[in-house]
């Protein structure tokens, strides 16, 4: 008998089934090349559906303080994919009063859905400078309170704070001496950044940020556990679809100047989010503007120091009005009027209440100073002229009737949905 027919064919020993490819946080999915998505153009309705899907994905793992905050985070993540088309790169400040409020988990989800995430833990500013280019990464900073939480830490990381401040607006390069010839070189700083931490960040960073104030989950509030091997591939697939939708629309996004419900730096910060909402259509433009107005108003109330100074200007205007709007008022009389208001903070300001020195310090930034004035009877005393307040009143606490409907800027540029 033929030996080949009688002898069994040698076989390799059975081996266990291989593990699926491991998803690496912040990197592409090894199972499918990113170029495989984006072959087909996306319609406006599909863009809105993608944002709905991203919103649901975020809510699956994190409980945001309200629907406006969830809308803001969704639009911020989507905006990272069109950074080359934007004039401003808003910061996302994810803050909580204590540990275990979901800050780091939210940053995990952002890492897997944002454009080219660059986690800056223990990263020097020099490395970050060199990582930013024409198509900037998305900077991610966890435990930012350890960087800016104390005076000593803040001084040590002043260069990083400068980068975060300058990078909010395009064409604000950092100048450094580089190379063996020690030539001056310009490093771009423009890049969107998300920072998570306990407490508050520096005022200059907060002023350039969409602020998300996280809270610890209550009993009964449930979210899914985030597991890298299971969840990252799906988030990466969503990220790639977002990029396939938004990248072809960058020229349209660059020309859009949408109507904003706020002004000045708040409008600059929120404009990229509203641009993405306009590109998506559906209810997203309305939702974006509602979130912008509500969240900016909430932050204005939380801006303690500047809000306190604005409150002082308002209370001084009321004090002058109660006294018949005289041209001049003694410092002593003005303080007496301010301290009368039991709902105002002035009686408890400092250790003994608002003093002439405190009053002078709070008004210093408005270039308002007490002067020696002549009052009735020819007596001289320290006091304030009402005329010195009129400019500050008009700028920082205008009468409601004077503002009219001028808070919203008119849209400029092409309609993304002709």
Protein backbone atom coordinates (compact mmCIF):
# COMPACT_ATOMS: atom_id res chain seq x y z
CA UNK A 1 0.00 0.00 0.00
CA UNK A 2 1.20 3.49 -0.85
CA UNK A 3 2.81 5.02 2.17
CA UNK A 4 1.45 8.43 1.30
CA UNK A 5 -2.08 7.15 1.64
CA UNK A 6 -1.56 5.37 4.89
CA UNK A 7 0.44 7.90 6.86
CA UNK A 8 -1.47 10.85 8.32
CA UNK A 9 -0.43 14.29 7.15
CA UNK A 10 1.50 16.09 9.90
CA UNK A 11 -0.43 19.02 11.36
CA UNK A 12 0.62 21.88 13.57
CA UNK A 13 -0.61 21.72 17.13
CA UNK A 14 -3.85 23.60 17.72
CA UNK A 15 -3.35 27.14 18.92
CA UNK A 16 -5.82 29.37 20.71
CA UNK A 17 -7.68 31.96 18.67
CA UNK A 18 -5.76 35.23 18.55
CA UNK A 19 -6.94 38.29 20.45
CA UNK A 20 -8.46 40.99 18.28
CA UNK A 21 -6.14 43.92 17.52
CA UNK A 22 -5.70 46.08 20.61
CA UNK A 23 -6.96 49.64 20.31
CA UNK A 24 -4.34 52.13 21.37
CA UNK A 25 -5.78 55.24 23.05
CA UNK A 26 -5.61 58.26 20.79
CA UNK A 27 -4.43 56.29 17.74
CA UNK A 28 -6.19 54.91 14.70
CA UNK A 29 -7.90 51.53 14.58
CA UNK A 30 -5.54 48.88 13.23
CA UNK A 31 -8.40 46.82 11.80
CA UNK A 32 -9.40 49.35 9.14
CA UNK A 33 -7.39 52.07 7.45
CA UNK A 34 -8.80 55.56 8.04
CA UNK A 35 -8.81 56.19 4.30
CA UNK A 36 -11.60 53.64 3.85
CA UNK A 37 -14.12 56.10 5.22
CA UNK A 38 -14.94 59.32 3.52
CA UNK A 39 -15.23 57.94 -0.01
CA UNK A 40 -18.85 59.07 -0.13
CA UNK A 41 -19.89 62.70 0.50
CA UNK A 42 -22.15 63.41 3.44
CA UNK A 43 -25.38 65.36 3.22
CA UNK A 44 -26.45 68.00 5.73
CA UNK A 45 -28.94 65.62 7.34
CA UNK A 46 -26.22 63.01 7.73
CA UNK A 47 -24.04 65.61 9.43
CA UNK A 48 -26.78 66.28 11.98
CA UNK A 49 -27.19 62.53 12.48
CA UNK A 50 -23.44 62.17 13.09
CA UNK A 51 -23.58 64.87 15.77
CA UNK A 52 -26.56 63.10 17.32
CA UNK A 53 -24.52 59.89 17.38
CA UNK A 54 -21.51 61.65 18.92
CA UNK A 55 -23.75 63.23 21.55
CA UNK A 56 -25.18 59.81 22.45
CA UNK A 57 -21.69 58.30 22.61
CA UNK A 58 -20.51 60.94 25.08
CA UNK A 59 -23.64 60.58 27.22
CA UNK A 60 -23.12 56.80 27.31
CA UNK A 61 -20.00 57.14 29.46
CA UNK A 62 -20.33 60.52 31.19
CA UNK A 63 -23.12 62.44 32.90
CA UNK A 64 -22.83 66.10 31.99
CA UNK A 65 -24.36 68.78 34.23
CA UNK A 66 -27.12 69.58 31.70
CA UNK A 67 -28.12 69.31 28.07
CA UNK A 68 -26.39 72.57 27.14
CA UNK A 69 -23.07 71.22 28.39
CA UNK A 70 -23.57 68.00 26.39
CA UNK A 71 -24.31 70.05 23.28
CA UNK A 72 -21.20 72.16 23.85
CA UNK A 73 -18.87 69.18 24.30
CA UNK A 74 -20.29 67.48 21.20
CA UNK A 75 -19.76 70.55 19.02
CA UNK A 76 -16.31 71.19 20.51
CA UNK A 77 -15.12 67.69 19.63
CA UNK A 78 -16.47 68.03 16.09
CA UNK A 79 -14.79 71.43 15.70
CA UNK A 80 -11.36 69.90 16.33
CA UNK A 81 -11.63 68.29 12.89
CA UNK A 82 -11.76 71.67 11.08
CA UNK A 83 -9.09 73.58 13.00
CA UNK A 84 -7.27 74.77 9.84
CA UNK A 85 -10.47 76.63 8.84
CA UNK A 86 -11.00 78.37 12.19
CA UNK A 87 -9.93 81.82 13.36
CA UNK A 88 -10.09 80.89 17.04
CA UNK A 89 -9.24 77.68 18.90
CA UNK A 90 -11.52 77.49 21.95
CA UNK A 91 -10.35 75.79 25.10
CA UNK A 92 -12.58 73.29 26.84
CA UNK A 93 -12.26 73.66 30.61
CA UNK A 94 -13.63 70.54 32.32
CA UNK A 95 -13.78 71.43 36.01
CA UNK A 96 -15.11 69.81 39.15
CA UNK A 97 -15.17 70.71 42.85
CA UNK A 98 -13.64 67.38 43.90
CA UNK A 99 -12.41 64.03 42.65
CA UNK A 100 -14.64 61.44 40.96
CA UNK A 101 -16.79 63.92 39.03
CA UNK A 102 -16.18 62.34 35.63
CA UNK A 103 -13.56 64.81 34.39
CA UNK A 104 -10.96 62.24 33.35
CA UNK A 105 -13.58 59.94 31.83
CA UNK A 106 -14.86 62.78 29.67
CA UNK A 107 -11.29 63.46 28.59
CA UNK A 108 -10.97 59.76 27.69
CA UNK A 109 -13.95 59.99 25.34
CA UNK A 110 -12.68 63.24 23.83
CA UNK A 111 -9.28 61.61 23.24
CA UNK A 112 -10.86 58.91 21.08
CA UNK A 113 -13.15 61.19 19.06
CA UNK A 114 -11.16 64.42 18.60
CA UNK A 115 -8.72 65.13 15.80
CA UNK A 116 -5.11 64.00 16.39
CA UNK A 117 -5.10 64.06 20.21
CA UNK A 118 -1.87 65.06 21.92
CA UNK A 119 -1.86 64.20 25.63
CA UNK A 120 0.47 66.64 27.36
CA UNK A 121 1.08 64.86 30.67
CA UNK A 122 4.67 65.61 31.70
CA UNK A 123 5.26 67.18 28.28
CA UNK A 124 7.47 70.25 28.09
CA UNK A 125 6.20 73.36 26.30
CA UNK A 126 9.10 72.96 23.83
CA UNK A 127 7.69 69.62 22.69
CA UNK A 128 4.19 71.06 22.36
CA UNK A 129 5.53 74.01 20.32
CA UNK A 130 7.14 71.60 17.86
CA UNK A 131 4.05 69.40 17.61
CA UNK A 132 1.79 72.22 16.40
CA UNK A 133 1.69 72.78 12.66
CA UNK A 134 -0.66 73.87 9.90
CA UNK A 135 -3.07 71.07 10.83
CA UNK A 136 -2.73 71.29 14.61
CA UNK A 137 -3.35 68.47 17.07
CA UNK A 138 -5.89 68.64 19.85
CA UNK A 139 -4.06 69.31 23.12
CA UNK A 140 -5.32 67.38 26.16
CA UNK A 141 -4.27 68.25 29.71
CA UNK A 142 -5.57 66.16 32.61
CA UNK A 143 -5.12 67.16 36.27
CA UNK A 144 -4.53 70.76 35.21
CA UNK A 145 -4.98 71.80 38.86
CA UNK A 146 -1.54 70.29 39.58
CA UNK A 147 -0.09 72.62 36.94
CA UNK A 148 -1.86 75.85 37.89
CA UNK A 149 -3.31 75.09 41.33
CA UNK A 150 -0.66 76.85 43.45
CA UNK A 151 1.39 79.99 43.05
CA UNK A 152 4.62 77.99 42.87
CA UNK A 153 3.21 75.55 40.28
CA UNK A 154 1.73 78.37 38.24
CA UNK A 155 5.07 80.18 38.13
CA UNK A 156 6.79 76.98 37.04
CA UNK A 157 4.29 76.48 34.21
CA UNK A 158 3.96 80.08 33.10
CA UNK A 159 5.29 79.17 29.65
CA UNK A 160 2.53 76.59 29.18
CA UNK A 161 -0.10 79.09 30.23
CA UNK A 162 1.34 81.57 27.74
CA UNK A 163 1.06 78.93 25.02
CA UNK A 164 -2.57 78.23 25.95
CA UNK A 165 -3.39 81.94 25.93
CA UNK A 166 -1.64 82.71 22.64
CA UNK A 167 -2.97 79.59 20.91
CA UNK A 168 -6.57 80.73 21.26
CA UNK A 169 -6.15 83.02 18.25
CA UNK A 170 -4.50 82.43 14.91
CA UNK A 171 -1.19 84.15 14.03
CA UNK A 172 0.15 84.42 17.58
CA UNK A 173 3.49 82.58 17.25
CA UNK A 174 5.96 82.02 20.05
CA UNK A 175 9.49 83.26 19.41
CA UNK A 176 12.32 81.00 20.51
CA UNK A 177 16.06 80.74 19.92
CA UNK A 178 16.61 77.51 17.99
CA UNK A 179 19.38 75.60 16.27
CA UNK A 180 23.17 75.70 16.53
CA UNK A 181 23.24 79.19 15.05
CA UNK A 182 20.86 80.45 17.74
CA UNK A 183 18.51 82.05 15.27
CA UNK A 184 15.10 83.35 16.22
CA UNK A 185 12.36 81.00 15.09
CA UNK A 186 8.60 81.37 15.13
CA UNK A 187 6.65 78.42 16.50
CA UNK A 188 2.89 78.29 15.86
CA UNK A 189 0.70 78.06 18.94
CA UNK A 190 -2.76 77.79 17.38
CA UNK A 191 -4.44 74.59 18.58
CA UNK A 192 -7.62 73.63 20.39
CA UNK A 193 -7.05 72.34 23.92
CA UNK A 194 -9.10 70.54 26.57
CA UNK A 195 -8.05 70.87 30.20
CA UNK A 196 -9.51 68.92 33.13
CA UNK A 197 -8.93 69.73 36.77
CA UNK A 198 -10.27 70.42 40.24
CA UNK A 199 -11.25 73.96 41.12
CA UNK A 200 -10.52 76.73 38.64
CA UNK A 201 -7.93 77.44 35.99
CA UNK A 202 -6.13 80.77 35.54
CA UNK A 203 -8.50 83.59 34.62
CA UNK A 204 -6.77 84.11 31.29
CA UNK A 205 -7.42 80.47 30.34
CA UNK A 206 -11.00 80.49 31.64
CA UNK A 207 -11.76 83.60 29.61
CA UNK A 208 -10.87 81.66 26.44
CA UNK A 209 -12.73 78.49 27.33
CA UNK A 210 -16.06 76.76 27.02
CA UNK A 211 -16.47 75.82 30.68
CA UNK A 212 -17.99 72.48 31.71
CA UNK A 213 -18.62 72.27 35.45
CA UNK A 214 -18.86 68.58 36.30
CA UNK A 215 -20.66 67.14 39.31
CA UNK A 216 -20.36 63.85 41.11
CA UNK A 217 -23.01 61.32 40.11
CA UNK A 218 -25.96 60.82 42.43
CA UNK A 219 -27.35 57.45 43.47
CA UNK A 220 -29.39 56.13 40.60
CA UNK A 221 -27.43 57.91 37.88
CA UNK A 222 -25.83 55.24 35.73
CA UNK A 223 -23.27 55.27 32.92
CA UNK A 224 -21.50 52.49 31.06
CA UNK A 225 -18.01 51.53 32.14
CA UNK A 226 -15.38 52.63 29.64
CA UNK A 227 -13.20 49.74 28.46
CA UNK A 228 -10.46 50.45 25.93
CA UNK A 229 -10.47 47.08 24.12
CA UNK A 230 -14.24 47.12 23.68
CA UNK A 231 -15.11 50.80 23.27
CA UNK A 232 -12.22 52.52 21.51
CA UNK A 233 -12.74 50.90 18.07
CA UNK A 234 -16.34 52.14 17.88
CA UNK A 235 -15.30 55.64 18.98
CA UNK A 236 -12.51 55.67 16.40
CA UNK A 237 -14.97 54.66 13.69
CA UNK A 238 -17.21 57.56 14.72
CA UNK A 239 -14.22 59.89 14.75
CA UNK A 240 -13.27 58.85 11.21
CA UNK A 241 -16.82 59.44 9.99
CA UNK A 242 -16.83 62.90 11.57
CA UNK A 243 -13.61 63.72 9.79
CA UNK A 244 -14.95 62.39 6.48
CA UNK A 245 -17.98 64.67 6.83
CA UNK A 246 -16.23 67.82 8.01
CA UNK A 247 -12.94 67.89 6.11
CA UNK A 248 -14.51 68.57 2.69
CA UNK A 249 -16.46 71.46 4.26
CA UNK A 250 -13.44 73.42 5.53
CA UNK A 251 -13.65 76.04 2.77
CA UNK A 252 -17.30 76.63 3.64
CA UNK A 253 -16.47 76.76 7.34
CA UNK A 254 -13.68 79.27 6.75
CA UNK A 255 -16.10 81.69 5.06
CA UNK A 256 -18.83 81.37 7.66
CA UNK A 257 -19.31 84.15 10.22
CA UNK A 258 -22.46 82.96 12.01
CA UNK A 259 -24.87 85.05 14.03
CA UNK A 260 -23.79 84.91 17.67
CA UNK A 261 -25.88 85.48 20.82
CA UNK A 262 -22.86 86.90 22.69
CA UNK A 263 -20.11 89.36 21.92
CA UNK A 264 -16.36 89.92 22.17
CA UNK A 265 -14.17 87.05 23.39
CA UNK A 266 -17.15 84.86 24.29
CA UNK A 267 -18.27 85.10 20.65
CA UNK A 268 -14.74 84.27 19.46
CA UNK A 269 -14.64 81.21 21.70
CA UNK A 270 -18.07 79.86 20.76
CA UNK A 271 -17.94 80.69 17.05
CA UNK A 272 -16.28 77.38 15.99
CA UNK A 273 -19.02 75.43 17.78
CA UNK A 274 -21.78 77.41 16.10
CA UNK A 275 -20.03 76.99 12.73
CA UNK A 276 -20.15 73.19 13.13
CA UNK A 277 -23.82 73.43 14.11
CA UNK A 278 -24.55 75.50 10.99
CA UNK A 279 -22.80 72.92 8.84
CA UNK A 280 -24.89 70.15 10.40
CA UNK A 281 -28.25 71.88 10.19
CA UNK A 282 -31.37 70.43 11.76
CA UNK A 283 -31.91 71.64 15.31
CA UNK A 284 -28.19 71.99 15.96
CA UNK A 285 -27.85 75.74 15.13
CA UNK A 286 -30.68 76.59 17.52
CA UNK A 287 -29.33 74.25 20.20
CA UNK A 288 -25.81 75.67 19.83
CA UNK A 289 -26.91 79.29 20.26
CA UNK A 290 -29.12 78.40 23.23
CA UNK A 291 -26.22 76.58 24.91
CA UNK A 292 -23.88 79.48 24.17
CA UNK A 293 -26.19 82.10 25.68
CA UNK A 294 -27.02 80.04 28.77
CA UNK A 295 -23.48 78.87 29.55
CA UNK A 296 -21.89 82.28 28.99
CA UNK A 297 -24.46 83.87 31.30
CA UNK A 298 -23.77 81.24 33.95
CA UNK A 299 -20.03 81.84 33.76
CA UNK A 300 -20.50 85.60 33.99
CA UNK A 301 -22.19 85.04 37.35
CA UNK A 302 -19.31 82.84 38.53
CA UNK A 303 -16.54 85.24 37.60
CA UNK A 304 -16.13 86.35 41.20
CA UNK A 305 -13.57 89.13 41.08
CA UNK A 306 -14.64 90.86 37.89
CA UNK A 307 -18.30 90.26 38.79
CA UNK A 308 -17.68 91.86 42.16
CA UNK A 309 -16.24 94.95 40.50
CA UNK A 310 -19.18 95.15 38.13
CA UNK A 311 -21.54 94.79 41.10
CA UNK A 312 -19.73 97.68 42.78
CA UNK A 313 -20.26 99.91 39.74
CA UNK A 314 -23.96 99.04 39.70
CA UNK A 315 -24.35 99.69 43.42
CA UNK A 316 -22.53 103.01 43.17
CA UNK A 317 -24.88 104.08 40.38
CA UNK A 318 -27.84 103.19 42.62
CA UNK A 319 -26.24 105.06 45.54
CA UNK A 320 -25.91 108.22 43.44
CA UNK A 321 -29.53 107.80 42.27
CA UNK A 322 -30.84 107.47 45.85
CA UNK A 323 -29.09 110.72 46.71
CA UNK A 324 -30.58 112.57 43.74
CA UNK A 325 -27.66 112.01 41.31
CA UNK A 326 -25.41 114.76 42.71
CA UNK A 327 -22.38 115.83 40.67
CA UNK A 328 -20.06 114.90 43.54
CA UNK A 329 -20.33 112.71 46.64
CA UNK A 330 -18.13 112.35 49.70
CA UNK A 331 -16.33 109.01 50.01
CA UNK A 332 -17.79 108.71 53.51
CA UNK A 333 -21.35 109.22 52.25
CA UNK A 334 -20.86 106.83 49.33
CA UNK A 335 -19.59 104.09 51.64
CA UNK A 336 -22.52 104.70 53.99
CA UNK A 337 -24.96 104.19 51.11
CA UNK A 338 -23.20 101.04 49.97
CA UNK A 339 -23.14 99.51 53.43
CA UNK A 340 -26.89 100.13 53.87
CA UNK A 341 -27.75 97.43 51.34
CA UNK A 342 -28.06 94.25 53.39
CA UNK A 343 -28.16 92.06 50.27
CA UNK A 344 -24.89 93.49 48.96
CA UNK A 345 -21.52 91.99 49.96
CA UNK A 346 -20.00 95.29 51.13
CA UNK A 347 -20.82 95.05 54.85
CA UNK A 348 -18.87 91.79 55.04
CA UNK A 349 -16.08 92.74 52.66
CA UNK A 350 -12.67 92.30 54.27
CA UNK A 351 -12.57 92.12 58.04
CA UNK A 352 -14.56 95.24 58.92
CA UNK A 353 -16.55 95.92 55.77
CA UNK A 354 -15.76 97.99 52.68
CA UNK A 355 -13.27 100.75 53.53
CA UNK A 356 -12.03 103.78 51.56
CA UNK A 357 -8.87 101.80 50.73
CA UNK A 358 -10.86 98.78 49.47
CA UNK A 359 -13.06 101.08 47.43
CA UNK A 360 -10.04 102.66 45.80
CA UNK A 361 -8.48 99.30 44.95
CA UNK A 362 -11.68 97.93 43.41
CA UNK A 363 -12.14 101.03 41.26
CA UNK A 364 -8.49 101.27 40.22
CA UNK A 365 -8.91 99.13 37.10
CA UNK A 366 -11.63 101.49 35.87
CA UNK A 367 -9.31 104.49 36.29
CA UNK A 368 -11.63 105.97 38.90
CA UNK A 369 -9.96 107.63 41.87
CA UNK A 370 -11.08 109.64 44.83
CA UNK A 371 -10.07 113.30 44.76
CA UNK A 372 -10.17 116.23 47.14
CA UNK A 373 -13.35 118.09 46.23
CA UNK A 374 -15.11 121.21 47.49
CA UNK A 375 -18.58 120.62 48.91
CA UNK A 376 -21.34 122.88 50.18
CA UNK A 377 -20.17 125.41 52.71
CA UNK A 378 -16.72 125.50 51.13
CA UNK A 379 -15.50 122.45 52.99
CA UNK A 380 -13.08 120.13 51.26
CA UNK A 381 -13.19 116.35 51.57
CA UNK A 382 -12.26 113.21 49.68
CA UNK A 383 -14.96 112.18 47.27
CA UNK A 384 -15.95 111.06 43.80
CA UNK A 385 -17.33 112.96 40.83
CA UNK A 386 -20.28 111.26 39.17
CA UNK A 387 -18.87 112.12 35.76
CA UNK A 388 -15.88 109.83 36.39
CA UNK A 389 -18.22 106.81 36.55
CA UNK A 390 -20.24 107.40 33.39
CA UNK A 391 -17.75 105.75 31.02
CA UNK A 392 -17.38 102.63 33.21
CA UNK A 393 -21.14 102.40 33.65
CA UNK A 394 -21.66 102.52 29.89
CA UNK A 395 -19.00 99.86 29.25
CA UNK A 396 -19.52 97.34 32.05
CA UNK A 397 -23.10 97.72 33.27
CA UNK A 398 -25.15 99.59 30.66
CA UNK A 399 -28.82 100.21 31.30
CA UNK A 400 -30.95 97.42 29.84
CA UNK A 401 -32.90 99.84 27.68
CA UNK A 402 -29.68 100.99 26.02
CA UNK A 403 -28.66 97.54 24.83
CA UNK A 404 -31.71 96.93 22.65
CA UNK A 405 -31.31 93.97 20.39
CA UNK A 406 -27.67 94.52 19.65
CA UNK A 407 -26.33 91.42 21.35
CA UNK A 408 -26.56 89.30 18.24
CA UNK A 409 -24.25 89.84 15.34
CA UNK A 410 -25.58 89.43 11.83
CA UNK A 411 -24.46 86.38 9.86
CA UNK A 412 -21.91 86.87 7.11
CA UNK A 413 -20.82 84.37 4.52
CA UNK A 414 -22.41 81.64 2.46
CA UNK A 415 -25.36 79.56 3.61
CA UNK A 416 -23.99 76.05 4.31
CA UNK A 417 -27.38 74.64 3.29
CA UNK A 418 -28.35 76.32 -0.01
